[in-house]
Amino acid sequence: VQLQASGGGLVQPGGYLRLSCVVSGRTSNSYAVGWFRQAPGKEREFVAAFRWGAGSTIYGGSVKGRFSMSKDNVKNTVYLQMNSLKPEDTAVYYCAGADRLIISSMNNERNYNDWGQGTQVTVSS
């Protein structure tokens, strides 16, 4: 499975961006897709994740209520809608995937074996 993230850019505080992650080669509805981010000098942080077929979406505490995940089955694309952006949201954002993850394990980057390249998001005035 290959993942390709895009959609990053420069946005002012309070603004919004939508990131995309094209997932190629996925064959299972139990495939989980997650978003992670890494700011300079910091560890990679969990943002959001869900399983392709069904089930709840989970969010990291710092983005809950501002970010949301969705998908387009026809385009095999997962989206991360980011609203009310803050300077502390500045980071490189990665999408990642793995098959048959249970919800409790979806927030751990170590459980993902497929990674896309990152896309830079900068929130600044």
PDB file of N, CA and C in Angstrom:
ATOM      1  N   VAL A   1       0.852  -1.185   0.000  1.00  0.00           N
ATOM      2  CA  VAL A   1       0.000   0.000   0.000  1.00  0.00           C
ATOM      3  C   VAL A   1       0.890   1.237   0.000  1.00  0.00           C
ATOM      4  N   GLN A   2       0.511   2.213  -0.802  1.00  0.00           N
ATOM      5  CA  GLN A   2       1.250   3.475  -0.848  1.00  0.00           C
ATOM      6  C   GLN A   2       0.327   4.618  -0.461  1.00  0.00           C
ATOM      7  N   LEU A   3       0.881   5.552   0.269  1.00  0.00           N
ATOM      8  CA  LEU A   3       0.122   6.721   0.690  1.00  0.00           C
ATOM      9  C   LEU A   3       0.852   7.981   0.241  1.00  0.00           C
ATOM     10  N   GLN A   4       0.096   8.955  -0.185  1.00  0.00           N
ATOM     11  CA  GLN A   4       0.684  10.215  -0.636  1.00  0.00           C
ATOM     12  C   GLN A   4      -0.128  11.371  -0.085  1.00  0.00           C
ATOM     13  N   ALA A   5       0.528  12.158   0.759  1.00  0.00           N
ATOM     14  CA  ALA A   5      -0.123  13.296   1.398  1.00  0.00           C
ATOM     15  C   ALA A   5       0.149  14.579   0.631  1.00  0.00           C
ATOM     16  N   SER A   6      -0.815  15.473   0.685  1.00  0.00           N
ATOM     17  CA  SER A   6      -0.659  16.777   0.041  1.00  0.00           C
ATOM     18  C   SER A   6      -1.609  17.775   0.694  1.00  0.00           C
ATOM     19  N   GLY A   7      -1.462  19.037   0.315  1.00  0.00           N
ATOM     20  CA  GLY A   7      -2.397  20.044   0.773  1.00  0.00           C
ATOM     21  C   GLY A   7      -1.871  21.014   1.813  1.00  0.00           C
ATOM     22  N   GLY A   8      -0.640  20.810   2.240  1.00  0.00           N
ATOM     23  CA  GLY A   8      -0.076  21.723   3.225  1.00  0.00           C
ATOM     24  C   GLY A   8       0.167  23.110   2.646  1.00  0.00           C
ATOM     25  N   GLY A   9       0.495  24.036   3.542  1.00  0.00           N
ATOM     26  CA  GLY A   9       0.780  25.392   3.096  1.00  0.00           C
ATOM     27  C   GLY A   9       0.881  26.342   4.262  1.00  0.00           C
ATOM     28  N   LEU A  10       0.876  27.614   3.935  1.00  0.00           N
ATOM     29  CA  LEU A  10       0.944  28.674   4.936  1.00  0.00           C
ATOM     30  C   LEU A  10      -0.451  29.255   5.142  1.00  0.00           C
ATOM     31  N   VAL A  11      -0.865  29.350   6.385  1.00  0.00           N
ATOM     32  CA  VAL A  11      -2.187  29.867   6.695  1.00  0.00           C
ATOM     33  C   VAL A  11      -2.100  30.736   7.943  1.00  0.00           C
ATOM     34  N   GLN A  12      -2.956  31.720   8.022  1.00  0.00           N
ATOM     35  CA  GLN A  12      -2.963  32.592   9.198  1.00  0.00           C
ATOM     36  C   GLN A  12      -3.676  31.924  10.365  1.00  0.00           C
ATOM     37  N   PRO A  13      -3.343  32.311  11.572  1.00  0.00           N
ATOM     38  CA  PRO A  13      -4.069  31.785  12.737  1.00  0.00           C
ATOM     39  C   PRO A  13      -5.566  32.014  12.590  1.00  0.00           C
ATOM     40  N   GLY A  14      -6.332  30.991  12.958  1.00  0.00           N
ATOM     41  CA  GLY A  14      -7.780  31.053  12.801  1.00  0.00           C
ATOM     42  C   GLY A  14      -8.258  30.547  11.458  1.00  0.00           C
ATOM     43  N   GLY A  15      -7.343  30.324  10.550  1.00  0.00           N
ATOM     44  CA  GLY A  15      -7.689  29.857   9.218  1.00  0.00           C
ATOM     45  C   GLY A  15      -7.890  28.355   9.157  1.00  0.00           C
ATOM     46  N   TYR A  16      -7.998  27.852   7.926  1.00  0.00           N
ATOM     47  CA  TYR A  16      -8.249  26.428   7.755  1.00  0.00           C
ATOM     48  C   TYR A  16      -7.464  25.898   6.560  1.00  0.00           C
ATOM     49  N   LEU A  17      -7.258  24.595   6.582  1.00  0.00           N
ATOM     50  CA  LEU A  17      -6.623  23.863   5.487  1.00  0.00           C
ATOM     51  C   LEU A  17      -7.248  22.479   5.424  1.00  0.00           C
ATOM     52  N   ARG A  18      -7.216  21.868   4.256  1.00  0.00           N
ATOM     53  CA  ARG A  18      -7.630  20.477   4.121  1.00  0.00           C
ATOM     54  C   ARG A  18      -6.485  19.687   3.506  1.00  0.00           C
ATOM     55  N   LEU A  19      -6.014  18.721   4.253  1.00  0.00           N
ATOM     56  CA  LEU A  19      -4.979  17.825   3.753  1.00  0.00           C
ATOM     57  C   LEU A  19      -5.628  16.608   3.095  1.00  0.00           C
ATOM     58  N   SER A  20      -4.944  16.083   2.105  1.00  0.00           N
ATOM     59  CA  SER A  20      -5.411  14.882   1.413  1.00  0.00           C
ATOM     60  C   SER A  20      -4.367  13.790   1.510  1.00  0.00           C
ATOM     61  N   CYS A  21      -4.829  12.564   1.538  1.00  0.00           N
ATOM     62  CA  CYS A  21      -3.932  11.402   1.539  1.00  0.00           C
ATOM     63  C   CYS A  21      -4.529  10.370   0.587  1.00  0.00           C
ATOM     64  N   VAL A  22      -3.875  10.186  -0.543  1.00  0.00           N
ATOM     65  CA  VAL A  22      -4.317   9.178  -1.503  1.00  0.00           C
ATOM     66  C   VAL A  22      -3.744   7.833  -1.098  1.00  0.00           C
ATOM     67  N   VAL A  23      -4.616   6.854  -0.960  1.00  0.00           N
ATOM     68  CA  VAL A  23      -4.214   5.519  -0.516  1.00  0.00           C
ATOM     69  C   VAL A  23      -4.333   4.564  -1.703  1.00  0.00           C
ATOM     70  N   SER A  24      -3.207   4.058  -2.160  1.00  0.00           N
ATOM     71  CA  SER A  24      -3.183   3.168  -3.326  1.00  0.00           C
ATOM     72  C   SER A  24      -2.862   1.743  -2.898  1.00  0.00           C
ATOM     73  N   GLY A  25      -3.621   0.792  -3.425  1.00  0.00           N
ATOM     74  CA  GLY A  25      -3.322  -0.603  -3.153  1.00  0.00           C
ATOM     75  C   GLY A  25      -4.015  -1.177  -1.938  1.00  0.00           C
ATOM     76  N   ARG A  26      -4.864  -0.396  -1.317  1.00  0.00           N
ATOM     77  CA  ARG A  26      -5.606  -0.913  -0.159  1.00  0.00           C
ATOM     78  C   ARG A  26      -6.605  -1.955  -0.643  1.00  0.00           C
ATOM     79  N   THR A  27      -6.677  -3.092   0.080  1.00  0.00           N
ATOM     80  CA  THR A  27      -7.593  -4.148  -0.325  1.00  0.00           C
ATOM     81  C   THR A  27      -8.577  -4.520   0.764  1.00  0.00           C
ATOM     82  N   SER A  28      -8.453  -3.939   1.919  1.00  0.00           N
ATOM     83  CA  SER A  28      -9.276  -4.352   3.050  1.00  0.00           C
ATOM     84  C   SER A  28      -9.990  -3.162   3.669  1.00  0.00           C
ATOM     85  N   ASN A  29     -11.256  -3.392   4.062  1.00  0.00           N
ATOM     86  CA  ASN A  29     -11.993  -2.351   4.771  1.00  0.00           C
ATOM     87  C   ASN A  29     -11.571  -2.235   6.229  1.00  0.00           C
ATOM     88  N   SER A  30     -10.731  -3.145   6.675  1.00  0.00           N
ATOM     89  CA  SER A  30     -10.215  -3.039   8.043  1.00  0.00           C
ATOM     90  C   SER A  30      -8.924  -2.222   8.089  1.00  0.00           C
ATOM     91  N   TYR A  31      -8.547  -1.674   6.955  1.00  0.00           N
ATOM     92  CA  TYR A  31      -7.327  -0.873   6.882  1.00  0.00           C
ATOM     93  C   TYR A  31      -7.540   0.433   7.640  1.00  0.00           C
ATOM     94  N   ALA A  32      -6.598   0.744   8.528  1.00  0.00           N
ATOM     95  CA  ALA A  32      -6.677   1.974   9.312  1.00  0.00           C
ATOM     96  C   ALA A  32      -5.765   3.038   8.711  1.00  0.00           C
ATOM     97  N   VAL A  33      -6.244   4.254   8.715  1.00  0.00           N
ATOM     98  CA  VAL A  33      -5.437   5.387   8.255  1.00  0.00           C
ATOM     99  C   VAL A  33      -5.345   6.403   9.380  1.00  0.00           C
ATOM    100  N   GLY A  34      -4.144   6.839   9.645  1.00  0.00           N
ATOM    101  CA  GLY A  34      -3.938   7.815  10.696  1.00  0.00           C
ATOM    102  C   GLY A  34      -3.164   9.021  10.199  1.00  0.00           C
ATOM    103  N   TRP A  35      -3.346  10.114  10.887  1.00  0.00           N
ATOM    104  CA  TRP A  35      -2.573  11.325  10.651  1.00  0.00           C
ATOM    105  C   TRP A  35      -1.698  11.580  11.879  1.00  0.00           C
ATOM    106  N   PHE A  36      -0.460  11.896  11.617  1.00  0.00           N
ATOM    107  CA  PHE A  36       0.478  12.264  12.665  1.00  0.00           C
ATOM    108  C   PHE A  36       1.178  13.560  12.242  1.00  0.00           C
ATOM    109  N   ARG A  37       1.753  14.240  13.212  1.00  0.00           N
ATOM    110  CA  ARG A  37       2.481  15.453  12.868  1.00  0.00           C
ATOM    111  C   ARG A  37       3.739  15.550  13.716  1.00  0.00           C
ATOM    112  N   GLN A  38       4.710  16.268  13.173  1.00  0.00           N
ATOM    113  CA  GLN A  38       5.963  16.443  13.895  1.00  0.00           C
ATOM    114  C   GLN A  38       6.451  17.867  13.704  1.00  0.00           C
ATOM    115  N   ALA A  39       6.562  18.561  14.816  1.00  0.00           N
ATOM    116  CA  ALA A  39       7.088  19.919  14.813  1.00  0.00           C
ATOM    117  C   ALA A  39       8.592  19.871  15.037  1.00  0.00           C
ATOM    118  N   PRO A  40       9.325  20.895  14.623  1.00  0.00           N
ATOM    119  CA  PRO A  40      10.778  20.892  14.808  1.00  0.00           C
ATOM    120  C   PRO A  40      11.158  20.705  16.267  1.00  0.00           C
ATOM    121  N   GLY A  41      12.043  19.757  16.511  1.00  0.00           N
ATOM    122  CA  GLY A  41      12.528  19.525  17.856  1.00  0.00           C
ATOM    123  C   GLY A  41      11.582  18.775  18.762  1.00  0.00           C
ATOM    124  N   LYS A  42      10.475  18.306  18.207  1.00  0.00           N
ATOM    125  CA  LYS A  42       9.487  17.586  19.023  1.00  0.00           C
ATOM    126  C   LYS A  42       9.269  16.177  18.478  1.00  0.00           C
ATOM    127  N   GLU A  43       8.702  15.338  19.314  1.00  0.00           N
ATOM    128  CA  GLU A  43       8.378  13.982  18.894  1.00  0.00           C
ATOM    129  C   GLU A  43       7.128  14.006  18.002  1.00  0.00           C
ATOM    130  N   ARG A  44       6.999  12.950  17.219  1.00  0.00           N
ATOM    131  CA  ARG A  44       5.825  12.834  16.370  1.00  0.00           C
ATOM    132  C   ARG A  44       4.581  12.679  17.249  1.00  0.00           C
ATOM    133  N   GLU A  45       3.528  13.366  16.875  1.00  0.00           N
ATOM    134  CA  GLU A  45       2.305  13.419  17.684  1.00  0.00           C
ATOM    135  C   GLU A  45       1.121  12.862  16.902  1.00  0.00           C
ATOM    136  N   PHE A  46       0.285  12.113  17.580  1.00  0.00           N
ATOM    137  CA  PHE A  46      -0.925  11.582  16.965  1.00  0.00           C
ATOM    138  C   PHE A  46      -1.937  12.707  16.758  1.00  0.00           C
ATOM    139  N   VAL A  47      -2.585  12.685  15.580  1.00  0.00           N
ATOM    140  CA  VAL A  47      -3.592  13.692  15.262  1.00  0.00           C
ATOM    141  C   VAL A  47      -4.983  13.069  15.177  1.00  0.00           C
ATOM    142  N   ALA A  48      -5.151  12.076  14.316  1.00  0.00           N
ATOM    143  CA  ALA A  48      -6.460  11.466  14.124  1.00  0.00           C
ATOM    144  C   ALA A  48      -6.302  10.156  13.377  1.00  0.00           C
ATOM    145  N   ALA A  49      -7.318   9.274  13.484  1.00  0.00           N
ATOM    146  CA  ALA A  49      -7.255   8.000  12.764  1.00  0.00           C
ATOM    147  C   ALA A  49      -8.637   7.380  12.689  1.00  0.00           C
ATOM    148  N   PHE A  50      -8.835   6.550  11.673  1.00  0.00           N
ATOM    149  CA  PHE A  50     -10.045   5.730  11.594  1.00  0.00           C
ATOM    150  C   PHE A  50      -9.766   4.486  10.761  1.00  0.00           C
ATOM    151  N   ARG A  51     -10.697   3.553  10.826  1.00  0.00           N
ATOM    152  CA  ARG A  51     -10.635   2.378   9.968  1.00  0.00           C
ATOM    153  C   ARG A  51     -11.497   2.627   8.748  1.00  0.00           C
ATOM    154  N   TRP A  52     -11.013   2.183   7.611  1.00  0.00           N
ATOM    155  CA  TRP A  52     -11.662   2.544   6.363  1.00  0.00           C
ATOM    156  C   TRP A  52     -13.125   2.116   6.308  1.00  0.00           C
ATOM    157  N   GLY A  53     -13.418   0.906   6.726  1.00  0.00           N
ATOM    158  CA  GLY A  53     -14.759   0.376   6.531  1.00  0.00           C
ATOM    159  C   GLY A  53     -15.812   0.946   7.462  1.00  0.00           C
ATOM    160  N   ALA A  54     -15.489   1.037   8.718  1.00  0.00           N
ATOM    161  CA  ALA A  54     -16.506   1.460   9.688  1.00  0.00           C
ATOM    162  C   ALA A  54     -15.828   1.775  10.999  1.00  0.00           C
ATOM    163  N   GLY A  55     -16.628   2.278  11.906  1.00  0.00           N
ATOM    164  CA  GLY A  55     -16.099   2.534  13.226  1.00  0.00           C
ATOM    165  C   GLY A  55     -15.837   3.998  13.477  1.00  0.00           C
ATOM    166  N   SER A  56     -15.492   4.281  14.671  1.00  0.00           N
ATOM    167  CA  SER A  56     -15.318   5.661  15.101  1.00  0.00           C
ATOM    168  C   SER A  56     -13.982   6.222  14.656  1.00  0.00           C
ATOM    169  N   THR A  57     -13.963   7.517  14.559  1.00  0.00           N
ATOM    170  CA  THR A  57     -12.721   8.250  14.343  1.00  0.00           C
ATOM    171  C   THR A  57     -12.220   8.709  15.699  1.00  0.00           C
ATOM    172  N   ILE A  58     -10.933   8.592  15.924  1.00  0.00           N
ATOM    173  CA  ILE A  58     -10.367   9.079  17.186  1.00  0.00           C
ATOM    174  C   ILE A  58      -9.454  10.259  16.892  1.00  0.00           C
ATOM    175  N   TYR A  59      -9.363  11.160  17.843  1.00  0.00           N
ATOM    176  CA  TYR A  59      -8.593  12.388  17.674  1.00  0.00           C
ATOM    177  C   TYR A  59      -7.662  12.603  18.853  1.00  0.00           C
ATOM    178  N   GLY A  60      -6.531  13.213  18.565  1.00  0.00           N
ATOM    179  CA  GLY A  60      -5.640  13.630  19.630  1.00  0.00           C
ATOM    180  C   GLY A  60      -6.250  14.791  20.394  1.00  0.00           C
ATOM    181  N   GLY A  61      -5.882  14.892  21.657  1.00  0.00           N
ATOM    182  CA  GLY A  61      -6.506  15.892  22.511  1.00  0.00           C
ATOM    183  C   GLY A  61      -6.330  17.319  22.046  1.00  0.00           C
ATOM    184  N   SER A  62      -5.200  17.623  21.431  1.00  0.00           N
ATOM    185  CA  SER A  62      -4.923  18.998  21.052  1.00  0.00           C
ATOM    186  C   SER A  62      -5.693  19.447  19.808  1.00  0.00           C
ATOM    187  N   VAL A  63      -6.296  18.520  19.079  1.00  0.00           N
ATOM    188  CA  VAL A  63      -7.016  18.889  17.854  1.00  0.00           C
ATOM    189  C   VAL A  63      -8.499  18.582  17.931  1.00  0.00           C
ATOM    190  N   LYS A  64      -8.923  17.917  18.975  1.00  0.00           N
ATOM    191  CA  LYS A  64     -10.330  17.512  19.095  1.00  0.00           C
ATOM    192  C   LYS A  64     -11.234  18.748  19.042  1.00  0.00           C
ATOM    193  N   GLY A  65     -12.253  18.640  18.216  1.00  0.00           N
ATOM    194  CA  GLY A  65     -13.183  19.751  18.064  1.00  0.00           C
ATOM    195  C   GLY A  65     -12.792  20.730  16.972  1.00  0.00           C
ATOM    196  N   ARG A  66     -11.568  20.643  16.482  1.00  0.00           N
ATOM    197  CA  ARG A  66     -11.113  21.553  15.422  1.00  0.00           C
ATOM    198  C   ARG A  66     -10.805  20.812  14.125  1.00  0.00           C
ATOM    199  N   PHE A  67     -10.331  19.589  14.229  1.00  0.00           N
ATOM    200  CA  PHE A  67      -9.961  18.796  13.064  1.00  0.00           C
ATOM    201  C   PHE A  67     -10.978  17.681  12.871  1.00  0.00           C
ATOM    202  N   SER A  68     -11.152  17.272  11.625  1.00  0.00           N
ATOM    203  CA  SER A  68     -12.025  16.132  11.352  1.00  0.00           C
ATOM    204  C   SER A  68     -11.498  15.351  10.149  1.00  0.00           C
ATOM    205  N   MET A  69     -11.698  14.037  10.201  1.00  0.00           N
ATOM    206  CA  MET A  69     -11.290  13.148   9.115  1.00  0.00           C
ATOM    207  C   MET A  69     -12.506  12.732   8.317  1.00  0.00           C
ATOM    208  N   SER A  70     -12.286  12.532   7.031  1.00  0.00           N
ATOM    209  CA  SER A  70     -13.328  11.991   6.171  1.00  0.00           C
ATOM    210  C   SER A  70     -12.649  11.233   5.039  1.00  0.00           C
ATOM    211  N   LYS A  71     -13.454  10.573   4.209  1.00  0.00           N
ATOM    212  CA  LYS A  71     -12.872   9.810   3.110  1.00  0.00           C
ATOM    213  C   LYS A  71     -13.767   9.829   1.903  1.00  0.00           C
ATOM    214  N   ASP A  72     -13.146   9.578   0.776  1.00  0.00           N
ATOM    215  CA  ASP A  72     -13.865   9.438  -0.485  1.00  0.00           C
ATOM    216  C   ASP A  72     -13.514   8.054  -1.028  1.00  0.00           C
ATOM    217  N   ASN A  73     -14.468   7.143  -0.985  1.00  0.00           N
ATOM    218  CA  ASN A  73     -14.199   5.771  -1.391  1.00  0.00           C
ATOM    219  C   ASN A  73     -13.864   5.657  -2.880  1.00  0.00           C
ATOM    220  N   VAL A  74     -14.464   6.506  -3.681  1.00  0.00           N
ATOM    221  CA  VAL A  74     -14.218   6.447  -5.125  1.00  0.00           C
ATOM    222  C   VAL A  74     -12.785   6.893  -5.435  1.00  0.00           C
ATOM    223  N   LYS A  75     -12.356   7.934  -4.764  1.00  0.00           N
ATOM    224  CA  LYS A  75     -11.004   8.467  -5.006  1.00  0.00           C
ATOM    225  C   LYS A  75      -9.947   7.800  -4.136  1.00  0.00           C
ATOM    226  N   ASN A  76     -10.369   6.902  -3.241  1.00  0.00           N
ATOM    227  CA  ASN A  76      -9.423   6.272  -2.305  1.00  0.00           C
ATOM    228  C   ASN A  76      -8.572   7.329  -1.587  1.00  0.00           C
ATOM    229  N   THR A  77      -9.233   8.339  -1.142  1.00  0.00           N
ATOM    230  CA  THR A  77      -8.552   9.475  -0.520  1.00  0.00           C
ATOM    231  C   THR A  77      -9.144   9.758   0.845  1.00  0.00           C
ATOM    232  N   VAL A  78      -8.258  10.020   1.771  1.00  0.00           N
ATOM    233  CA  VAL A  78      -8.634  10.412   3.123  1.00  0.00           C
ATOM    234  C   VAL A  78      -8.297  11.889   3.293  1.00  0.00           C
ATOM    235  N   TYR A  79      -9.176  12.597   3.967  1.00  0.00           N
ATOM    236  CA  TYR A  79      -8.987  14.029   4.159  1.00  0.00           C
ATOM    237  C   TYR A  79      -8.844  14.349   5.645  1.00  0.00           C
ATOM    238  N   LEU A  80      -8.090  15.375   5.925  1.00  0.00           N
ATOM    239  CA  LEU A  80      -8.005  15.935   7.278  1.00  0.00           C
ATOM    240  C   LEU A  80      -8.370  17.411   7.164  1.00  0.00           C
ATOM    241  N   GLN A  81      -9.565  17.722   7.615  1.00  0.00           N
ATOM    242  CA  GLN A  81     -10.023  19.113   7.623  1.00  0.00           C
ATOM    243  C   GLN A  81      -9.544  19.766   8.908  1.00  0.00           C
ATOM    244  N   MET A  82      -8.799  20.831   8.764  1.00  0.00           N
ATOM    245  CA  MET A  82      -8.222  21.498   9.929  1.00  0.00           C
ATOM    246  C   MET A  82      -8.778  22.915  10.009  1.00  0.00           C
ATOM    247  N   ASN A  83      -9.542  23.178  11.059  1.00  0.00           N
ATOM    248  CA  ASN A  83     -10.166  24.487  11.265  1.00  0.00           C
ATOM    249  C   ASN A  83      -9.573  25.164  12.485  1.00  0.00           C
ATOM    250  N   SER A  84      -9.804  26.444  12.602  1.00  0.00           N
ATOM    251  CA  SER A  84      -9.341  27.227  13.756  1.00  0.00           C
ATOM    252  C   SER A  84      -7.874  26.956  14.037  1.00  0.00           C
ATOM    253  N   LEU A  85      -7.078  27.031  13.023  1.00  0.00           N
ATOM    254  CA  LEU A  85      -5.667  26.683  13.159  1.00  0.00           C
ATOM    255  C   LEU A  85      -4.923  27.653  14.075  1.00  0.00           C
ATOM    256  N   LYS A  86      -3.982  27.083  14.801  1.00  0.00           N
ATOM    257  CA  LYS A  86      -3.176  27.832  15.757  1.00  0.00           C
ATOM    258  C   LYS A  86      -1.703  27.717  15.372  1.00  0.00           C
ATOM    259  N   PRO A  87      -0.884  28.651  15.800  1.00  0.00           N
ATOM    260  CA  PRO A  87       0.554  28.542  15.498  1.00  0.00           C
ATOM    261  C   PRO A  87       1.146  27.215  15.971  1.00  0.00           C
ATOM    262  N   GLU A  88       0.647  26.682  17.054  1.00  0.00           N
ATOM    263  CA  GLU A  88       1.167  25.412  17.560  1.00  0.00           C
ATOM    264  C   GLU A  88       0.771  24.211  16.710  1.00  0.00           C
ATOM    265  N   ASP A  89      -0.068  24.417  15.714  1.00  0.00           N
ATOM    266  CA  ASP A  89      -0.379  23.351  14.765  1.00  0.00           C
ATOM    267  C   ASP A  89       0.683  23.252  13.667  1.00  0.00           C
ATOM    268  N   THR A  90       1.616  24.167  13.665  1.00  0.00           N
ATOM    269  CA  THR A  90       2.683  24.140  12.673  1.00  0.00           C
ATOM    270  C   THR A  90       3.515  22.876  12.821  1.00  0.00           C
ATOM    271  N   ALA A  91       3.624  22.124  11.747  1.00  0.00           N
ATOM    272  CA  ALA A  91       4.341  20.854  11.778  1.00  0.00           C
ATOM    273  C   ALA A  91       4.343  20.249  10.375  1.00  0.00           C
ATOM    274  N   VAL A  92       5.119  19.202  10.224  1.00  0.00           N
ATOM    275  CA  VAL A  92       4.999  18.346   9.045  1.00  0.00           C
ATOM    276  C   VAL A  92       3.954  17.287   9.367  1.00  0.00           C
ATOM    277  N   TYR A  93       2.977  17.171   8.494  1.00  0.00           N
ATOM    278  CA  TYR A  93       1.887  16.227   8.707  1.00  0.00           C
ATOM    279  C   TYR A  93       2.087  15.001   7.823  1.00  0.00           C
ATOM    280  N   TYR A  94       1.917  13.824   8.430  1.00  0.00           N
ATOM    281  CA  TYR A  94       2.088  12.556   7.731  1.00  0.00           C
ATOM    282  C   TYR A  94       0.798  11.748   7.808  1.00  0.00           C
ATOM    283  N   CYS A  95       0.480  11.054   6.724  1.00  0.00           N
ATOM    284  CA  CYS A  95      -0.562  10.043   6.807  1.00  0.00           C
ATOM    285  C   CYS A  95       0.118   8.672   6.817  1.00  0.00           C
ATOM    286  N   ALA A  96      -0.509   7.751   7.520  1.00  0.00           N
ATOM    287  CA  ALA A  96       0.057   6.423   7.687  1.00  0.00           C
ATOM    288  C   ALA A  96      -1.061   5.400   7.665  1.00  0.00           C
ATOM    289  N   GLY A  97      -0.706   4.161   7.365  1.00  0.00           N
ATOM    290  CA  GLY A  97      -1.721   3.127   7.293  1.00  0.00           C
ATOM    291  C   GLY A  97      -1.242   1.794   7.804  1.00  0.00           C
ATOM    292  N   ALA A  98      -2.200   0.972   8.211  1.00  0.00           N
ATOM    293  CA  ALA A  98      -1.909  -0.387   8.648  1.00  0.00           C
ATOM    294  C   ALA A  98      -3.208  -1.172   8.640  1.00  0.00           C
ATOM    295  N   ASP A  99      -3.079  -2.456   8.443  1.00  0.00           N
ATOM    296  CA  ASP A  99      -4.283  -3.284   8.377  1.00  0.00           C
ATOM    297  C   ASP A  99      -4.635  -3.826   9.742  1.00  0.00           C
ATOM    298  N   ARG A 100      -5.939  -3.906  10.013  1.00  0.00           N
ATOM    299  CA  ARG A 100      -6.460  -4.621  11.180  1.00  0.00           C
ATOM    300  C   ARG A 100      -5.973  -4.049  12.515  1.00  0.00           C
ATOM    301  N   LEU A 101      -5.926  -2.731  12.595  1.00  0.00           N
ATOM    302  CA  LEU A 101      -5.632  -2.134  13.892  1.00  0.00           C
ATOM    303  C   LEU A 101      -6.908  -1.997  14.697  1.00  0.00           C
ATOM    304  N   ILE A 102      -6.819  -2.280  15.978  1.00  0.00           N
ATOM    305  CA  ILE A 102      -7.964  -2.022  16.837  1.00  0.00           C
ATOM    306  C   ILE A 102      -7.901  -0.562  17.280  1.00  0.00           C
ATOM    307  N   ILE A 103      -9.050  -0.058  17.696  1.00  0.00           N
ATOM    308  CA  ILE A 103      -9.139   1.368  18.003  1.00  0.00           C
ATOM    309  C   ILE A 103      -8.090   1.802  19.017  1.00  0.00           C
ATOM    310  N   SER A 104      -7.885   0.982  20.025  1.00  0.00           N
ATOM    311  CA  SER A 104      -6.971   1.364  21.101  1.00  0.00           C
ATOM    312  C   SER A 104      -5.515   1.447  20.651  1.00  0.00           C
ATOM    313  N   SER A 105      -5.218   0.917  19.478  1.00  0.00           N
ATOM    314  CA  SER A 105      -3.833   0.935  19.002  1.00  0.00           C
ATOM    315  C   SER A 105      -3.619   1.936  17.880  1.00  0.00           C
ATOM    316  N   MET A 106      -4.661   2.621  17.462  1.00  0.00           N
ATOM    317  CA  MET A 106      -4.546   3.491  16.297  1.00  0.00           C
ATOM    318  C   MET A 106      -3.825   4.796  16.592  1.00  0.00           C
ATOM    319  N   ASN A 107      -3.627   5.133  17.850  1.00  0.00           N
ATOM    320  CA  ASN A 107      -2.947   6.387  18.153  1.00  0.00           C
ATOM    321  C   ASN A 107      -1.446   6.211  18.357  1.00  0.00           C
ATOM    322  N   ASN A 108      -0.941   5.033  18.084  1.00  0.00           N
ATOM    323  CA  ASN A 108       0.488   4.751  18.290  1.00  0.00           C
ATOM    324  C   ASN A 108       1.167   4.591  16.936  1.00  0.00           C
ATOM    325  N   GLU A 109       2.090   5.469  16.632  1.00  0.00           N
ATOM    326  CA  GLU A 109       2.746   5.448  15.324  1.00  0.00           C
ATOM    327  C   GLU A 109       3.481   4.144  15.071  1.00  0.00           C
ATOM    328  N   ARG A 110       3.891   3.463  16.110  1.00  0.00           N
ATOM    329  CA  ARG A 110       4.652   2.224  15.942  1.00  0.00           C
ATOM    330  C   ARG A 110       3.809   1.113  15.325  1.00  0.00           C
ATOM    331  N   ASN A 111       2.508   1.262  15.358  1.00  0.00           N
ATOM    332  CA  ASN A 111       1.621   0.234  14.817  1.00  0.00           C
ATOM    333  C   ASN A 111       1.344   0.411  13.325  1.00  0.00           C
ATOM    334  N   TYR A 112       1.885   1.458  12.738  1.00  0.00           N
ATOM    335  CA  TYR A 112       1.649   1.719  11.321  1.00  0.00           C
ATOM    336  C   TYR A 112       2.875   1.311  10.520  1.00  0.00           C
ATOM    337  N   ASN A 113       2.658   0.614   9.427  1.00  0.00           N
ATOM    338  CA  ASN A 113       3.787   0.171   8.623  1.00  0.00           C
ATOM    339  C   ASN A 113       3.857   0.849   7.253  1.00  0.00           C
ATOM    340  N   ASP A 114       2.794   1.536   6.869  1.00  0.00           N
ATOM    341  CA  ASP A 114       2.794   2.241   5.581  1.00  0.00           C
ATOM    342  C   ASP A 114       2.772   3.738   5.869  1.00  0.00           C
ATOM    343  N   TRP A 115       3.709   4.474   5.296  1.00  0.00           N
ATOM    344  CA  TRP A 115       3.812   5.911   5.548  1.00  0.00           C
ATOM    345  C   TRP A 115       3.936   6.680   4.247  1.00  0.00           C
ATOM    346  N   GLY A 116       3.254   7.796   4.209  1.00  0.00           N
ATOM    347  CA  GLY A 116       3.424   8.707   3.090  1.00  0.00           C
ATOM    348  C   GLY A 116       4.490   9.736   3.411  1.00  0.00           C
ATOM    349  N   GLN A 117       4.848  10.521   2.416  1.00  0.00           N
ATOM    350  CA  GLN A 117       5.776  11.607   2.672  1.00  0.00           C
ATOM    351  C   GLN A 117       5.019  12.702   3.411  1.00  0.00           C
ATOM    352  N   GLY A 118       5.677  13.546   4.104  1.00  0.00           N
ATOM    353  CA  GLY A 118       5.001  14.579   4.867  1.00  0.00           C
ATOM    354  C   GLY A 118       4.622  15.777   4.022  1.00  0.00           C
ATOM    355  N   THR A 119       3.715  16.562   4.575  1.00  0.00           N
ATOM    356  CA  THR A 119       3.348  17.832   3.953  1.00  0.00           C
ATOM    357  C   THR A 119       3.406  18.917   5.029  1.00  0.00           C
ATOM    358  N   GLN A 120       4.062  20.016   4.708  1.00  0.00           N
ATOM    359  CA  GLN A 120       4.318  21.056   5.711  1.00  0.00           C
ATOM    360  C   GLN A 120       3.095  21.950   5.887  1.00  0.00           C
ATOM    361  N   VAL A 121       2.721  22.145   7.137  1.00  0.00           N
ATOM    362  CA  VAL A 121       1.671  23.098   7.486  1.00  0.00           C
ATOM    363  C   VAL A 121       2.299  24.162   8.384  1.00  0.00           C
ATOM    364  N   THR A 122       2.166  25.409   7.989  1.00  0.00           N
ATOM    365  CA  THR A 122       2.705  26.509   8.769  1.00  0.00           C
ATOM    366  C   THR A 122       1.580  27.485   9.075  1.00  0.00           C
ATOM    367  N   VAL A 123       1.387  27.728  10.373  1.00  0.00           N
ATOM    368  CA  VAL A 123       0.351  28.658  10.812  1.00  0.00           C
ATOM    369  C   VAL A 123       1.045  29.884  11.384  1.00  0.00           C
ATOM    370  N   SER A 124       0.933  30.975  10.682  1.00  0.00           N
ATOM    371  CA  SER A 124       1.662  32.176  11.079  1.00  0.00           C
ATOM    372  C   SER A 124       1.009  33.399  10.460  1.00  0.00           C
ATOM    373  N   SER A 125       1.094  34.499  11.181  1.00  0.00           N
ATOM    374  CA  SER A 125       0.593  35.766  10.639  1.00  0.00           C
ATOM    375  C   SER A 125       1.722  36.528   9.943  1.00  0.00           C
TER     376      SER A 125
END
